[in-house]
Protein backbone atom coordinates (compact mmCIF):
# COMPACT_ATOMS: atom_id res chain seq x y z
CA MET A 1 -55.20 4.30 56.10
CA THR A 2 -55.39 4.91 52.31
CA HIS A 3 -52.66 3.60 49.92
CA ARG A 4 -51.35 7.01 49.42
CA LYS A 5 -51.00 8.05 53.19
CA ARG A 6 -49.44 4.55 53.74
CA ARG A 7 -46.83 5.22 50.90
CA ARG A 8 -46.09 8.78 52.29
CA ALA A 9 -45.58 7.22 55.93
CA ILE A 10 -43.08 4.92 54.41
CA ILE A 11 -41.21 7.47 52.60
CA LEU A 12 -40.90 9.46 55.92
CA VAL A 13 -39.56 6.70 57.87
CA VAL A 14 -36.98 5.90 55.12
CA TYR A 15 -36.13 9.80 55.04
CA ALA A 16 -35.81 9.84 58.88
CA LEU A 17 -33.58 6.63 58.83
CA LEU A 18 -31.35 8.18 56.14
CA VAL A 19 -31.11 11.39 58.08
CA PHE A 20 -30.28 9.54 61.30
CA GLY A 21 -27.59 7.42 59.49
CA ILE A 22 -25.92 10.35 57.97
CA VAL A 23 -25.77 12.25 61.32
CA TRP A 24 -24.42 9.20 62.90
CA TRP A 25 -21.78 8.57 60.28
CA ILE A 26 -20.72 12.24 60.87
CA VAL A 27 -20.55 11.80 64.81
CA ALA A 28 -18.91 8.80 64.65
CA ALA A 29 -16.26 10.31 62.10
CA LEU A 30 -15.69 13.34 64.22
CA ARG A 31 -15.53 11.38 67.48
CA PRO A 32 -11.93 10.83 68.65
CA THR A 33 -10.72 7.28 68.82
CA GLN A 34 -10.73 5.80 72.15
CA SER A 35 -7.14 5.27 73.57
CA CYS A 36 -5.24 4.85 76.81
CA SER A 37 -4.05 8.69 76.64
CA ASP A 38 -7.42 10.57 75.64
CA GLY A 39 -7.95 11.78 79.22
CA VAL A 40 -11.42 10.10 79.25
CA GLN A 41 -12.47 7.10 81.23
CA ASN A 42 -13.82 4.89 78.35
CA GLN A 43 -13.43 1.61 76.96
CA ASN A 44 -13.35 -0.73 80.07
CA GLU A 45 -11.03 1.28 82.04
CA THR A 46 -11.49 1.48 85.96
CA GLY A 47 -9.99 5.00 85.96
CA VAL A 48 -8.94 7.73 83.54
CA ASP A 49 -6.72 6.07 81.08
CA CYS A 50 -5.68 3.14 83.30
CA GLY A 51 -7.32 -0.17 84.41
CA GLY A 52 -8.75 -2.55 82.07
CA VAL A 53 -7.09 -2.76 78.63
CA CYS A 54 -4.85 0.23 79.72
CA GLY A 55 -2.97 -1.65 82.52
CA ALA A 56 -3.00 -1.17 86.21
CA CYS A 57 -3.78 2.22 87.76
CA THR A 58 -0.84 3.76 89.79
CA VAL A 59 -1.46 4.12 93.28
CA VAL A 60 -0.34 7.26 94.97
CA LEU A 61 1.11 6.71 98.37
CA GLU A 62 0.45 9.45 100.69
CA THR A 63 3.26 8.67 103.28
CA LYS A 64 5.07 10.71 105.83
CA ASP A 65 8.92 10.60 106.07
CA ILE A 66 10.61 8.05 108.26
CA VAL A 67 11.79 9.85 111.43
CA ILE A 68 15.33 9.60 112.62
CA ASP A 69 15.26 9.35 116.38
CA GLY A 70 19.07 9.65 116.82
CA SER A 71 22.41 8.16 115.77
CA TYR A 72 25.42 7.15 117.90
CA VAL A 73 28.89 5.92 117.57
CA ILE A 74 30.61 3.46 119.80
CA ASP A 75 34.16 2.45 120.17
CA GLY A 76 34.47 -1.14 118.64
CA VAL A 77 37.20 -3.77 118.49
CA ASP A 78 40.56 -3.31 116.91
CA GLY A 79 40.22 0.35 116.50
CA ARG A 80 36.85 0.21 114.36
CA ILE A 81 33.61 2.05 115.16
CA ASP A 82 30.17 0.51 115.80
CA ALA A 83 27.47 2.91 114.86
CA VAL A 84 23.65 2.76 115.67
CA ALA A 85 20.57 4.64 114.79
CA GLN A 86 16.94 4.35 115.82
CA ILE A 87 14.20 5.19 113.35
CA THR A 88 10.53 5.40 113.48
CA ASN A 89 7.76 4.80 110.95
CA PRO A 90 4.81 7.22 111.50
CA ASN A 91 2.71 5.60 109.14
CA HIS A 92 -0.09 3.21 110.08
CA ARG A 93 -0.80 1.66 106.89
CA PHE A 94 2.43 1.53 105.00
CA GLY A 95 5.61 -0.13 105.62
CA ALA A 96 8.98 0.16 103.96
CA SER A 97 10.30 -3.04 102.28
CA ARG A 98 13.57 -1.27 101.60
CA ILE A 99 15.28 1.61 103.21
CA ALA A 100 18.74 2.62 101.86
CA TYR A 101 20.75 4.26 104.47
CA THR A 102 24.41 5.57 105.06
CA PHE A 103 26.29 6.12 108.16
CA VAL A 104 29.03 8.98 107.88
CA LEU A 105 31.65 9.47 110.45
CA LYS A 106 33.54 12.69 110.51
CA ALA A 107 36.63 14.05 112.40
CA ALA A 108 36.55 17.42 114.32
CA ASP A 109 37.47 19.52 111.25
CA GLY A 110 34.65 17.91 109.23
CA THR A 111 36.76 15.43 107.24
CA VAL A 112 34.98 12.08 106.44
CA ILE A 113 36.87 9.24 108.00
CA GLY A 114 34.49 6.44 107.82
CA GLU A 115 31.38 5.37 105.94
CA ARG A 116 29.09 2.57 105.72
CA THR A 117 25.96 1.95 103.53
CA GLY A 118 23.19 -0.52 104.10
CA THR A 119 19.73 -1.42 103.59
CA THR A 120 16.87 -2.59 106.03
CA PHE A 121 13.01 -2.39 106.14
CA ILE A 122 10.27 -1.20 108.71
CA LEU A 123 6.83 -2.31 109.52
CA PRO A 124 3.79 0.20 109.99
CA ALA A 125 4.02 2.33 113.15
CA GLU A 126 7.29 0.50 114.10
CA THR A 127 10.50 2.00 115.84
CA LYS A 128 13.74 0.11 115.51
CA TYR A 129 17.36 0.07 115.45
CA VAL A 130 19.74 0.24 112.78
CA LEU A 131 23.31 -1.46 113.53
CA GLU A 132 26.46 -1.19 111.61
CA PRO A 133 29.27 -2.79 113.73
CA GLY A 134 33.14 -2.59 112.64
CA ILE A 135 33.30 0.58 110.60
CA THR A 136 37.08 1.16 109.57
CA VAL A 137 38.07 4.66 110.55
CA THR A 138 40.88 6.22 108.61
CA ASN A 139 44.24 6.21 110.38
CA ASN A 140 42.33 5.68 113.68
CA VAL A 141 41.51 9.40 113.79
CA SER A 142 38.99 10.26 116.60
CA VAL A 143 35.29 10.34 115.63
CA ALA A 144 33.73 13.82 116.41
CA GLN A 145 30.65 13.35 114.46
CA ALA A 146 28.26 10.79 113.12
CA GLU A 147 25.73 11.54 110.43
CA PHE A 148 22.88 8.90 109.63
CA SER A 149 20.99 9.65 106.48
CA ILE A 150 18.17 7.65 104.60
CA THR A 151 18.81 8.03 100.73
CA ASP A 152 15.81 5.95 99.47
CA VAL A 153 12.73 4.28 100.64
CA LYS A 154 10.48 1.67 98.86
CA TRP A 155 6.89 1.81 100.42
CA LYS A 156 4.29 -0.70 100.31
CA LEU A 157 0.73 -0.70 101.38
CA PHE A 158 0.48 -3.15 104.41
CA GLU A 159 -1.92 -5.66 102.72
CA GLY A 160 -1.32 -9.34 102.38
CA TYR A 161 1.38 -9.29 105.28
CA GLN A 162 1.23 -10.19 108.67
CA GLU A 163 3.44 -8.62 111.48
CA PRO A 164 5.59 -11.32 112.89
CA ARG A 165 5.06 -12.38 116.64
CA ILE A 166 8.37 -13.28 117.93
CA VAL A 167 8.77 -12.56 121.70
CA VAL A 168 11.88 -12.31 123.68
CA LEU A 169 11.80 -14.09 126.98
CA ASN A 170 14.19 -14.33 130.03
CA LYS A 171 16.78 -11.67 128.74
CA SER A 172 19.52 -10.95 131.02
CA TYR A 173 22.83 -9.23 130.99
CA THR A 174 25.72 -10.62 133.03
CA LEU A 175 29.41 -10.24 133.38
CA ALA A 176 31.29 -13.29 132.16
CA SER A 177 33.59 -15.51 134.19
CA SER A 178 35.66 -16.79 131.32
CA ASP A 179 38.80 -15.20 129.72
CA THR A 180 37.31 -15.23 126.52
CA ALA A 181 34.37 -12.71 127.24
CA TYR A 182 33.89 -9.65 129.39
CA SER A 183 29.96 -9.81 129.57
CA ARG A 184 27.04 -11.47 127.72
CA VAL A 185 23.40 -11.16 127.03
CA SER A 186 21.32 -14.16 126.78
CA GLY A 187 17.68 -15.00 126.56
CA LEU A 188 15.11 -17.16 124.57
CA VAL A 189 13.11 -16.24 121.55
CA ARG A 190 9.73 -17.88 120.64
CA ASN A 191 8.10 -17.70 117.36
CA GLU A 192 4.39 -17.20 118.41
CA SER A 193 3.24 -16.44 114.63
CA PRO A 194 1.82 -19.16 112.23
CA PHE A 195 4.84 -18.85 109.98
CA ASP A 196 8.07 -20.78 109.50
CA PHE A 197 10.97 -18.24 108.64
CA THR A 198 14.04 -18.85 106.76
CA SER A 199 16.06 -16.68 109.05
CA ILE A 200 15.71 -13.98 111.62
CA ARG A 201 17.88 -11.37 112.98
CA ILE A 202 18.43 -10.41 116.76
CA ASN A 203 19.83 -6.98 117.58
CA VAL A 204 21.01 -6.14 121.02
CA VAL A 205 21.78 -2.61 122.18
CA LEU A 206 23.08 -1.83 125.77
CA LYS A 207 22.32 1.68 127.32
CA ASP A 208 23.52 3.65 130.27
CA LYS A 209 21.34 5.39 132.73
CA ASP A 210 20.97 8.49 130.35
CA GLY A 211 19.37 6.18 127.58
CA ILE A 212 22.84 6.40 125.53
CA PRO A 213 24.02 3.29 123.56
CA ILE A 214 27.25 2.10 124.92
CA ALA A 215 27.44 -1.30 123.13
CA ILE A 216 25.77 -3.14 120.37
CA HIS A 217 25.75 -6.79 118.99
CA ARG A 218 23.82 -8.83 116.45
CA THR A 219 23.34 -12.40 115.25
CA ARG A 220 21.22 -14.39 113.03
CA MET A 221 19.26 -17.48 113.42
CA ASP A 222 18.23 -19.66 110.31
CA THR A 223 15.07 -21.86 110.10
CA PHE A 224 13.05 -20.53 112.80
CA ASP A 225 9.63 -22.32 112.55
CA SER A 226 6.33 -21.75 114.17
CA GLY A 227 6.10 -22.56 117.80
CA MET A 228 9.95 -22.93 117.97
CA GLU A 229 11.85 -21.76 121.05
CA ARG A 230 15.64 -21.22 120.79
CA ASP A 231 18.16 -19.72 123.12
CA PHE A 232 20.65 -17.07 122.32
CA SER A 233 23.78 -15.81 123.92
CA LEU A 234 25.79 -12.98 122.64
CA PRO A 235 29.09 -12.15 124.18
CA TRP A 236 31.40 -9.07 124.44
CA PRO A 237 34.99 -10.14 124.17
CA GLN A 238 36.40 -6.81 125.73
CA LYS A 239 35.32 -4.31 128.30
CA PHE A 240 33.51 -1.42 127.18
CA SER A 241 33.00 2.33 128.67
CA GLY A 242 29.83 2.87 130.71
CA GLU A 243 27.50 0.92 133.07
CA VAL A 244 24.80 -0.87 131.62
CA ALA A 245 21.23 0.12 132.80
CA THR A 246 18.84 -1.00 129.91
CA VAL A 247 19.10 -4.04 127.57
CA ASP A 248 17.14 -3.61 124.46
CA VAL A 249 16.61 -6.75 122.30
CA GLU A 250 14.84 -6.57 118.86
CA VAL A 251 14.00 -9.54 116.51
CA GLU A 252 13.78 -8.79 112.77
CA ALA A 253 11.88 -10.93 110.49
CA ASN A 254 11.53 -9.57 107.10
CA VAL A 255 7.86 -10.02 106.26
CA PHE A 256 8.30 -8.33 102.91
CA ASP A 257 10.56 -10.99 101.44
CA VAL A 258 8.57 -13.97 100.08
CA ASP A 259 11.60 -16.12 100.32
CA ASN A 260 11.86 -15.57 103.92
CA TYR A 261 8.36 -17.62 104.46
CA ARG A 262 9.08 -21.11 104.50
CA LYS A 263 5.48 -22.34 105.41
CA HIS A 264 2.31 -20.76 106.47
CA HIS A 265 0.40 -22.89 109.13
CA ILE A 266 -3.44 -22.81 109.18
CA ILE A 267 -4.71 -22.22 112.54
CA GLN A 268 -7.99 -23.84 113.37
């Protein structure tokens, strides 16, 4: 290559680099600044405008509503009313760490004569009872209607949780022979899970032959460790209407509450 041709090639290369630099500068100047609101997955985002430097992406929970299977009222002690509802979670991957609910008791004319609010939780695909004993009724008016409603639900994807394996053994319903109790339900609960729980709750619902609740009771046990067995006995001090055909005993251990786990035993 002659000196003249070499010089021309160098000039062409310099010219091409100059044009490329100008074009790049123009494109860079016109290109919008990357941000967490530009509608484009850029930077180190794992989704559009979320993940990486933009913070966690919001998970859309596609859940079905909790089903209310039924609600009932029962004459309680000292003119008060016991209320019970049964609910079902139709979701197999999601549990509700918090369910806010309300029992409303009404007279025959629709007047509200009693009300109780509370919270509970439910596991995936679980059916459970919600008990509210001892609701005060205005002027001891007869209850004609009971309404149970769910006002708020906090869903959680069931990951990192394990369903507690707490079984109920030897449950029985007997009429009491003492003057201080009309009848009682007794049994044994065993913690077959690898977890030590701070507390558990035992709910008892007595039903007649038509499956209608006629009496309820509940109690709490504290410090329920893995492998532990403990007896329970729940008395009814007064006679109630109806004959008992079915005894349902449910045990609640809140697996959503990290403070309820005292220890996790590693099973070899």
